[in-house]
Amino acid sequence: MASDSRFPKRSPSARPVAPRHAHHHHSQSSGGSTSRAGAGGGGGGAAATESVSKAVAQYNIDARLHAVFEQSGASGRSFDYSQSLRAPPTPSSEQQIAAYLSRIQRGGHIQPLGCTLAVADDSSFRLLAFSENAADLLDLSPHHSVPSLD
């Protein structure tokens, strides 16, 4: 799959690679927990701690982007995901994280699947970016064509 340094990388088990949105098009990430401490048996405490740290860091990023998206809608401005990524990272408040998590949770469980596609804001709907896990979740096997962002 094409790698684009403009977008943060995520593991296939994580939620979407920051990609997600392009002008006006908001593709709600369905979340997806990274991994659970103690899952998989025999693991070390360091791996579980790292997994939790990664999840918290990702929730922070996702919550900040969600807040920017919500603010853009309220103000009537279009949401530019690329521009949002260029902004210096600021810690999300607990309130922002709680609001984000309440949106992605259903029945108290984080949805285990989700991928994101960013498309052009015109009639072409050209693919601008996709999450690292898009091919797997969209059931694109090797014989299917996965578009390149080049």
N, C-alpha and C. Protein backbone atom coordinates (compact mmCIF):
# COMPACT_ATOMS: atom_id res chain seq x y z
N MET A 1 0.85 -1.17 0.00
CA MET A 1 0.00 0.00 0.00
C MET A 1 0.89 1.22 0.00
N ALA A 2 0.48 2.29 -0.64
CA ALA A 2 1.28 3.50 -0.71
C ALA A 2 1.42 4.13 0.66
N SER A 3 2.60 4.65 0.91
CA SER A 3 2.84 5.32 2.18
C SER A 3 3.00 6.79 1.91
N ASP A 4 2.37 7.62 2.67
CA ASP A 4 2.41 9.05 2.47
C ASP A 4 2.83 9.71 3.77
N SER A 5 3.99 10.36 3.75
CA SER A 5 4.53 10.94 4.99
C SER A 5 3.69 12.10 5.51
N ARG A 6 2.72 12.56 4.75
CA ARG A 6 1.87 13.65 5.23
C ARG A 6 0.89 13.19 6.29
N PHE A 7 0.70 11.90 6.39
CA PHE A 7 -0.28 11.38 7.32
C PHE A 7 0.40 10.53 8.36
N PRO A 8 -0.01 10.65 9.63
CA PRO A 8 0.57 9.82 10.68
C PRO A 8 0.31 8.35 10.40
N LYS A 9 1.22 7.52 10.82
CA LYS A 9 1.06 6.08 10.61
C LYS A 9 0.36 5.46 11.80
N ARG A 10 -0.41 4.44 11.56
CA ARG A 10 -1.07 3.67 12.61
C ARG A 10 -0.91 2.21 12.29
N SER A 11 -0.98 1.42 13.29
CA SER A 11 -0.92 -0.01 13.06
C SER A 11 -2.24 -0.46 12.46
N PRO A 12 -2.25 -1.59 11.74
CA PRO A 12 -3.49 -2.06 11.13
C PRO A 12 -4.61 -2.28 12.13
N SER A 13 -4.27 -2.53 13.38
CA SER A 13 -5.32 -2.77 14.36
C SER A 13 -5.84 -1.47 14.95
N ALA A 14 -5.20 -0.36 14.62
CA ALA A 14 -5.62 0.92 15.18
C ALA A 14 -6.68 1.55 14.30
N ARG A 15 -7.24 2.62 14.79
CA ARG A 15 -8.20 3.36 14.02
C ARG A 15 -7.49 3.99 12.84
N PRO A 16 -8.19 4.63 11.96
CA PRO A 16 -7.71 5.18 10.73
C PRO A 16 -6.45 6.01 10.84
N VAL A 17 -5.66 5.89 9.82
CA VAL A 17 -4.50 6.76 9.71
C VAL A 17 -5.08 8.11 9.47
N ALA A 18 -4.64 9.00 10.08
CA ALA A 18 -5.21 10.30 10.14
C ALA A 18 -5.84 10.77 8.92
N PRO A 19 -6.10 10.37 8.33
CA PRO A 19 -6.74 10.68 7.09
C PRO A 19 -8.13 10.61 7.14
N ARG A 20 -8.57 11.33 6.84
CA ARG A 20 -9.91 11.00 7.03
C ARG A 20 -10.76 11.91 6.27
N HIS A 21 -10.51 13.13 6.41
CA HIS A 21 -11.49 14.08 5.93
C HIS A 21 -10.84 15.02 4.95
N ALA A 22 -11.61 15.47 4.03
CA ALA A 22 -11.20 16.53 3.14
C ALA A 22 -12.43 17.40 3.00
N HIS A 23 -12.21 18.63 2.78
CA HIS A 23 -13.27 19.63 2.73
C HIS A 23 -14.69 19.07 2.73
N HIS A 24 -15.48 19.47 3.63
CA HIS A 24 -16.90 19.13 3.76
C HIS A 24 -17.21 17.66 3.99
N HIS A 25 -16.34 16.78 3.60
CA HIS A 25 -16.64 15.36 3.74
C HIS A 25 -16.10 14.87 5.05
N HIS A 26 -16.99 14.49 5.95
CA HIS A 26 -16.56 13.97 7.25
C HIS A 26 -16.89 12.50 7.28
N SER A 27 -15.88 11.71 7.38
CA SER A 27 -16.08 10.27 7.46
C SER A 27 -15.85 9.88 8.89
N GLN A 28 -16.91 9.69 9.65
CA GLN A 28 -16.78 9.37 11.08
C GLN A 28 -16.00 8.10 11.25
N SER A 29 -14.90 8.19 11.93
CA SER A 29 -14.12 7.00 12.24
C SER A 29 -14.91 6.20 13.25
N SER A 30 -14.90 4.93 13.07
CA SER A 30 -15.66 4.13 14.02
C SER A 30 -14.82 3.69 15.19
N GLY A 31 -13.64 4.21 15.25
CA GLY A 31 -12.84 3.91 16.43
C GLY A 31 -12.06 2.64 16.25
N GLY A 32 -12.28 1.71 17.08
CA GLY A 32 -11.52 0.48 17.02
C GLY A 32 -10.45 0.53 18.08
N SER A 33 -10.54 -0.35 19.01
CA SER A 33 -9.55 -0.31 20.07
C SER A 33 -8.26 -0.90 19.54
N THR A 34 -7.15 -0.40 20.02
CA THR A 34 -5.87 -0.93 19.57
C THR A 34 -5.75 -2.33 20.12
N SER A 35 -5.23 -2.52 21.28
CA SER A 35 -5.24 -3.85 21.86
C SER A 35 -5.48 -3.71 23.34
N ARG A 36 -5.92 -4.79 23.93
CA ARG A 36 -6.27 -4.75 25.34
C ARG A 36 -5.13 -5.32 26.17
N ALA A 37 -4.91 -4.72 27.33
CA ALA A 37 -3.89 -5.23 28.23
C ALA A 37 -4.26 -6.65 28.62
N GLY A 38 -3.29 -7.51 28.57
CA GLY A 38 -3.53 -8.89 28.98
C GLY A 38 -4.08 -9.78 27.87
N ALA A 39 -4.46 -9.21 26.74
CA ALA A 39 -5.00 -10.03 25.67
C ALA A 39 -3.86 -10.75 24.97
N GLY A 40 -4.11 -11.90 24.50
CA GLY A 40 -3.13 -12.64 23.74
C GLY A 40 -2.27 -13.54 24.59
N GLY A 41 -2.38 -13.46 25.88
CA GLY A 41 -1.68 -14.35 26.80
C GLY A 41 -0.18 -14.21 26.76
N GLY A 42 0.46 -14.47 27.87
CA GLY A 42 1.89 -14.52 27.96
C GLY A 42 2.61 -13.23 27.70
N GLY A 43 1.92 -12.14 27.47
CA GLY A 43 2.56 -10.88 27.14
C GLY A 43 3.18 -10.23 28.35
N GLY A 44 4.09 -9.31 28.09
CA GLY A 44 4.73 -8.60 29.19
C GLY A 44 3.96 -7.35 29.54
N GLY A 45 4.21 -6.85 30.73
CA GLY A 45 3.56 -5.62 31.18
C GLY A 45 3.96 -4.42 30.35
N ALA A 46 5.19 -4.41 29.83
CA ALA A 46 5.66 -3.28 29.04
C ALA A 46 4.86 -3.15 27.75
N ALA A 47 4.55 -4.27 27.10
CA ALA A 47 3.77 -4.23 25.87
C ALA A 47 2.37 -3.71 26.13
N ALA A 48 1.77 -4.13 27.23
CA ALA A 48 0.43 -3.66 27.57
C ALA A 48 0.45 -2.17 27.87
N THR A 49 1.47 -1.72 28.59
CA THR A 49 1.59 -0.30 28.92
C THR A 49 1.78 0.52 27.65
N GLU A 50 2.60 0.02 26.73
CA GLU A 50 2.83 0.72 25.47
C GLU A 50 1.54 0.80 24.67
N SER A 51 0.78 -0.28 24.65
CA SER A 51 -0.48 -0.31 23.93
C SER A 51 -1.47 0.72 24.48
N VAL A 52 -1.55 0.78 25.80
CA VAL A 52 -2.44 1.75 26.44
C VAL A 52 -1.97 3.17 26.13
N SER A 53 -0.66 3.40 26.19
CA SER A 53 -0.12 4.73 25.90
C SER A 53 -0.44 5.15 24.47
N LYS A 54 -0.30 4.22 23.53
CA LYS A 54 -0.62 4.52 22.14
C LYS A 54 -2.10 4.84 21.97
N ALA A 55 -2.95 4.07 22.64
CA ALA A 55 -4.39 4.31 22.55
C ALA A 55 -4.75 5.68 23.10
N VAL A 56 -4.18 6.04 24.25
CA VAL A 56 -4.46 7.35 24.85
C VAL A 56 -3.97 8.46 23.93
N ALA A 57 -2.78 8.31 23.37
CA ALA A 57 -2.25 9.32 22.45
C ALA A 57 -3.16 9.46 21.23
N GLN A 58 -3.65 8.33 20.71
CA GLN A 58 -4.52 8.39 19.54
C GLN A 58 -5.86 9.01 19.88
N TYR A 59 -6.41 8.70 21.06
CA TYR A 59 -7.66 9.34 21.47
C TYR A 59 -7.48 10.84 21.56
N ASN A 60 -6.32 11.29 22.04
CA ASN A 60 -6.03 12.72 22.13
C ASN A 60 -6.08 13.36 20.75
N ILE A 61 -5.40 12.74 19.79
CA ILE A 61 -5.39 13.28 18.42
C ILE A 61 -6.79 13.26 17.83
N ASP A 62 -7.47 12.13 17.95
CA ASP A 62 -8.82 12.01 17.39
C ASP A 62 -9.79 12.99 18.02
N ALA A 63 -9.68 13.18 19.33
CA ALA A 63 -10.57 14.11 20.03
C ALA A 63 -10.33 15.54 19.56
N ARG A 64 -9.05 15.90 19.36
CA ARG A 64 -8.73 17.25 18.89
C ARG A 64 -9.30 17.46 17.49
N LEU A 65 -9.10 16.49 16.60
CA LEU A 65 -9.63 16.61 15.24
C LEU A 65 -11.15 16.64 15.23
N HIS A 66 -11.77 15.84 16.08
CA HIS A 66 -13.23 15.85 16.17
C HIS A 66 -13.73 17.22 16.62
N ALA A 67 -13.05 17.82 17.61
CA ALA A 67 -13.45 19.14 18.10
C ALA A 67 -13.30 20.20 17.00
N VAL A 68 -12.21 20.13 16.24
CA VAL A 68 -12.00 21.08 15.14
C VAL A 68 -13.09 20.89 14.09
N PHE A 69 -13.42 19.64 13.79
CA PHE A 69 -14.48 19.36 12.82
C PHE A 69 -15.81 19.94 13.28
N GLU A 70 -16.16 19.68 14.54
CA GLU A 70 -17.42 20.19 15.09
C GLU A 70 -17.45 21.72 15.06
N GLN A 71 -16.35 22.36 15.41
CA GLN A 71 -16.28 23.82 15.41
C GLN A 71 -16.42 24.38 14.00
N SER A 72 -15.84 23.69 13.01
CA SER A 72 -15.95 24.18 11.64
C SER A 72 -17.40 24.13 11.17
N GLY A 73 -18.12 23.09 11.55
CA GLY A 73 -19.54 23.00 11.18
C GLY A 73 -20.37 24.07 11.84
N ALA A 74 -20.08 24.34 13.11
CA ALA A 74 -20.84 25.35 13.85
C ALA A 74 -20.57 26.75 13.30
N SER A 75 -19.37 26.97 12.78
CA SER A 75 -19.03 28.31 12.30
C SER A 75 -19.34 28.47 10.81
N GLY A 76 -19.72 27.39 10.15
CA GLY A 76 -20.05 27.47 8.74
C GLY A 76 -18.83 27.32 7.83
N ARG A 77 -17.66 27.11 8.40
CA ARG A 77 -16.45 26.93 7.59
C ARG A 77 -16.36 25.47 7.16
N SER A 78 -15.67 25.24 6.06
CA SER A 78 -15.45 23.85 5.66
C SER A 78 -14.31 23.28 6.50
N PHE A 79 -14.35 21.99 6.69
CA PHE A 79 -13.32 21.31 7.48
C PHE A 79 -12.23 20.82 6.54
N ASP A 80 -11.01 21.24 6.79
CA ASP A 80 -9.88 20.83 5.99
C ASP A 80 -8.98 19.96 6.85
N TYR A 81 -9.05 18.68 6.66
CA TYR A 81 -8.29 17.75 7.49
C TYR A 81 -6.79 18.00 7.37
N SER A 82 -6.32 18.22 6.14
CA SER A 82 -4.88 18.46 5.94
C SER A 82 -4.41 19.66 6.73
N GLN A 83 -5.19 20.73 6.70
CA GLN A 83 -4.84 21.94 7.44
C GLN A 83 -4.87 21.66 8.95
N SER A 84 -5.81 20.87 9.38
CA SER A 84 -5.91 20.54 10.81
C SER A 84 -4.68 19.78 11.29
N LEU A 85 -4.13 18.94 10.43
CA LEU A 85 -2.93 18.18 10.80
C LEU A 85 -1.71 19.07 10.92
N ARG A 86 -1.67 20.15 10.14
CA ARG A 86 -0.51 21.05 10.17
C ARG A 86 -0.49 21.92 11.42
N ALA A 87 -1.63 22.08 12.06
CA ALA A 87 -1.69 22.90 13.27
C ALA A 87 -0.85 22.25 14.35
N PRO A 88 -0.19 23.07 15.17
CA PRO A 88 0.61 22.47 16.25
C PRO A 88 -0.28 21.65 17.17
N PRO A 89 0.20 20.48 17.57
CA PRO A 89 -0.62 19.64 18.44
C PRO A 89 -0.86 20.30 19.79
N THR A 90 -2.09 20.25 20.21
CA THR A 90 -2.45 20.77 21.52
C THR A 90 -3.14 19.65 22.27
N PRO A 91 -2.88 19.55 23.55
CA PRO A 91 -3.54 18.48 24.31
C PRO A 91 -5.05 18.68 24.32
N SER A 92 -5.77 17.61 24.17
CA SER A 92 -7.22 17.68 24.25
C SER A 92 -7.64 17.69 25.71
N SER A 93 -8.71 18.40 25.98
CA SER A 93 -9.23 18.41 27.34
C SER A 93 -9.94 17.09 27.61
N GLU A 94 -10.11 16.79 28.88
CA GLU A 94 -10.86 15.57 29.23
C GLU A 94 -12.26 15.64 28.65
N GLN A 95 -12.83 16.84 28.60
CA GLN A 95 -14.17 17.02 28.07
C GLN A 95 -14.20 16.67 26.57
N GLN A 96 -13.16 17.12 25.82
CA GLN A 96 -13.10 16.80 24.40
C GLN A 96 -12.97 15.30 24.17
N ILE A 97 -12.12 14.66 24.96
CA ILE A 97 -11.92 13.22 24.81
C ILE A 97 -13.21 12.48 25.15
N ALA A 98 -13.88 12.89 26.22
CA ALA A 98 -15.13 12.24 26.61
C ALA A 98 -16.19 12.41 25.52
N ALA A 99 -16.27 13.61 24.93
CA ALA A 99 -17.24 13.85 23.86
C ALA A 99 -16.93 12.97 22.65
N TYR A 100 -15.67 12.89 22.31
CA TYR A 100 -15.27 12.06 21.17
C TYR A 100 -15.60 10.58 21.43
N LEU A 101 -15.20 10.09 22.59
CA LEU A 101 -15.44 8.68 22.90
C LEU A 101 -16.93 8.35 22.96
N SER A 102 -17.74 9.30 23.44
CA SER A 102 -19.17 9.03 23.50
C SER A 102 -19.76 8.92 22.09
N ARG A 103 -19.13 9.60 21.12
CA ARG A 103 -19.60 9.53 19.74
C ARG A 103 -19.24 8.21 19.07
N ILE A 104 -18.05 7.67 19.42
CA ILE A 104 -17.62 6.46 18.73
C ILE A 104 -18.05 5.19 19.43
N GLN A 105 -18.63 5.33 20.58
CA GLN A 105 -19.05 4.14 21.31
C GLN A 105 -20.52 3.84 21.05
N ARG A 106 -20.81 2.58 20.97
CA ARG A 106 -22.19 2.11 20.80
C ARG A 106 -22.41 1.03 21.85
N GLY A 107 -23.41 1.19 22.66
CA GLY A 107 -23.72 0.18 23.66
C GLY A 107 -22.59 -0.05 24.64
N GLY A 108 -21.78 0.98 24.86
CA GLY A 108 -20.68 0.86 25.81
C GLY A 108 -19.46 0.15 25.28
N HIS A 109 -19.46 -0.23 24.03
CA HIS A 109 -18.32 -0.92 23.45
C HIS A 109 -17.77 -0.09 22.29
N ILE A 110 -16.48 0.05 22.24
CA ILE A 110 -15.87 0.72 21.10
C ILE A 110 -16.02 -0.20 19.91
N GLN A 111 -16.42 0.36 18.80
CA GLN A 111 -16.59 -0.44 17.60
C GLN A 111 -15.24 -1.01 17.19
N PRO A 112 -15.18 -2.29 16.90
CA PRO A 112 -13.90 -2.91 16.61
C PRO A 112 -13.37 -2.65 15.20
N LEU A 113 -14.21 -2.18 14.31
CA LEU A 113 -13.78 -1.98 12.93
C LEU A 113 -13.99 -0.55 12.50
N GLY A 114 -13.20 -0.14 11.57
CA GLY A 114 -13.39 1.17 10.99
C GLY A 114 -12.21 1.52 10.12
N CYS A 115 -12.49 2.18 9.04
CA CYS A 115 -11.43 2.70 8.20
C CYS A 115 -11.94 4.02 7.65
N THR A 116 -11.03 4.76 7.08
CA THR A 116 -11.41 6.07 6.60
C THR A 116 -10.89 6.29 5.19
N LEU A 117 -11.70 6.95 4.41
CA LEU A 117 -11.31 7.37 3.07
C LEU A 117 -11.52 8.87 3.00
N ALA A 118 -10.53 9.58 2.47
CA ALA A 118 -10.68 11.02 2.24
C ALA A 118 -10.83 11.20 0.74
N VAL A 119 -11.88 11.90 0.34
CA VAL A 119 -12.15 12.08 -1.08
C VAL A 119 -12.17 13.56 -1.43
N ALA A 120 -11.92 13.84 -2.70
CA ALA A 120 -11.91 15.21 -3.18
C ALA A 120 -13.30 15.81 -3.05
N ASP A 121 -13.32 17.08 -2.78
CA ASP A 121 -14.58 17.80 -2.60
C ASP A 121 -15.05 18.35 -3.94
N ASP A 122 -15.24 17.46 -4.88
CA ASP A 122 -15.75 17.85 -6.18
C ASP A 122 -16.51 16.66 -6.77
N SER A 123 -16.92 16.78 -7.97
CA SER A 123 -17.73 15.71 -8.56
C SER A 123 -16.93 14.45 -8.86
N SER A 124 -15.60 14.54 -8.84
CA SER A 124 -14.79 13.36 -9.16
C SER A 124 -14.69 12.38 -8.00
N PHE A 125 -14.83 12.87 -6.78
CA PHE A 125 -14.66 12.05 -5.58
C PHE A 125 -13.34 11.26 -5.64
N ARG A 126 -12.30 11.93 -6.14
CA ARG A 126 -10.97 11.33 -6.23
C ARG A 126 -10.47 10.99 -4.84
N LEU A 127 -9.85 9.83 -4.70
CA LEU A 127 -9.33 9.38 -3.42
C LEU A 127 -8.08 10.17 -3.08
N LEU A 128 -8.10 10.85 -1.92
CA LEU A 128 -6.97 11.65 -1.48
C LEU A 128 -6.12 10.91 -0.46
N ALA A 129 -6.75 10.15 0.38
CA ALA A 129 -6.04 9.42 1.44
C ALA A 129 -6.92 8.28 1.92
N PHE A 130 -6.28 7.31 2.52
CA PHE A 130 -7.03 6.21 3.11
C PHE A 130 -6.26 5.69 4.29
N SER A 131 -6.99 5.11 5.23
CA SER A 131 -6.35 4.58 6.42
C SER A 131 -5.56 3.33 6.07
N GLU A 132 -4.57 3.06 6.88
CA GLU A 132 -3.69 1.93 6.64
C GLU A 132 -4.45 0.61 6.61
N ASN A 133 -5.55 0.55 7.33
CA ASN A 133 -6.31 -0.70 7.41
C ASN A 133 -7.44 -0.77 6.39
N ALA A 134 -7.53 0.18 5.48
CA ALA A 134 -8.65 0.23 4.54
C ALA A 134 -8.74 -1.03 3.67
N ALA A 135 -7.63 -1.49 3.14
CA ALA A 135 -7.66 -2.66 2.25
C ALA A 135 -8.21 -3.88 2.98
N ASP A 136 -7.77 -4.07 4.22
CA ASP A 136 -8.25 -5.22 4.99
C ASP A 136 -9.74 -5.10 5.30
N LEU A 137 -10.16 -3.93 5.76
CA LEU A 137 -11.54 -3.77 6.18
C LEU A 137 -12.52 -3.69 5.02
N LEU A 138 -12.04 -3.27 3.87
CA LEU A 138 -12.91 -3.22 2.70
C LEU A 138 -12.81 -4.51 1.89
N ASP A 139 -12.13 -5.50 2.49
CA ASP A 139 -12.01 -6.83 1.90
C ASP A 139 -11.39 -6.79 0.51
N LEU A 140 -10.34 -6.00 0.37
CA LEU A 140 -9.61 -5.94 -0.89
C LEU A 140 -8.46 -6.93 -0.81
N SER A 141 -8.62 -8.04 -1.48
CA SER A 141 -7.56 -9.04 -1.48
C SER A 141 -6.49 -8.62 -2.48
N PRO A 142 -5.36 -9.30 -2.51
CA PRO A 142 -4.26 -8.89 -3.40
C PRO A 142 -4.65 -8.79 -4.87
N HIS A 143 -5.64 -9.55 -5.31
CA HIS A 143 -6.00 -9.47 -6.72
C HIS A 143 -6.87 -8.25 -7.04
N HIS A 144 -7.31 -7.54 -6.01
CA HIS A 144 -8.04 -6.30 -6.24
C HIS A 144 -7.05 -5.16 -6.37
N SER A 145 -7.46 -4.12 -7.01
CA SER A 145 -6.59 -2.96 -7.18
C SER A 145 -6.76 -2.02 -5.99
N VAL A 146 -5.65 -1.67 -5.36
CA VAL A 146 -5.66 -0.67 -4.30
C VAL A 146 -5.05 0.58 -4.89
N PRO A 147 -5.77 1.69 -4.91
CA PRO A 147 -5.28 2.90 -5.56
C PRO A 147 -4.03 3.44 -4.88
N SER A 148 -3.23 4.10 -5.66
CA SER A 148 -2.04 4.76 -5.15
C SER A 148 -2.35 6.24 -5.00
N LEU A 149 -1.72 6.87 -4.03
CA LEU A 149 -1.95 8.31 -3.83
C LEU A 149 -0.95 9.13 -4.62
N ASP A 150 -0.08 8.48 -5.39
CA ASP A 150 0.95 9.20 -6.15
C ASP A 150 0.37 9.85 -7.37
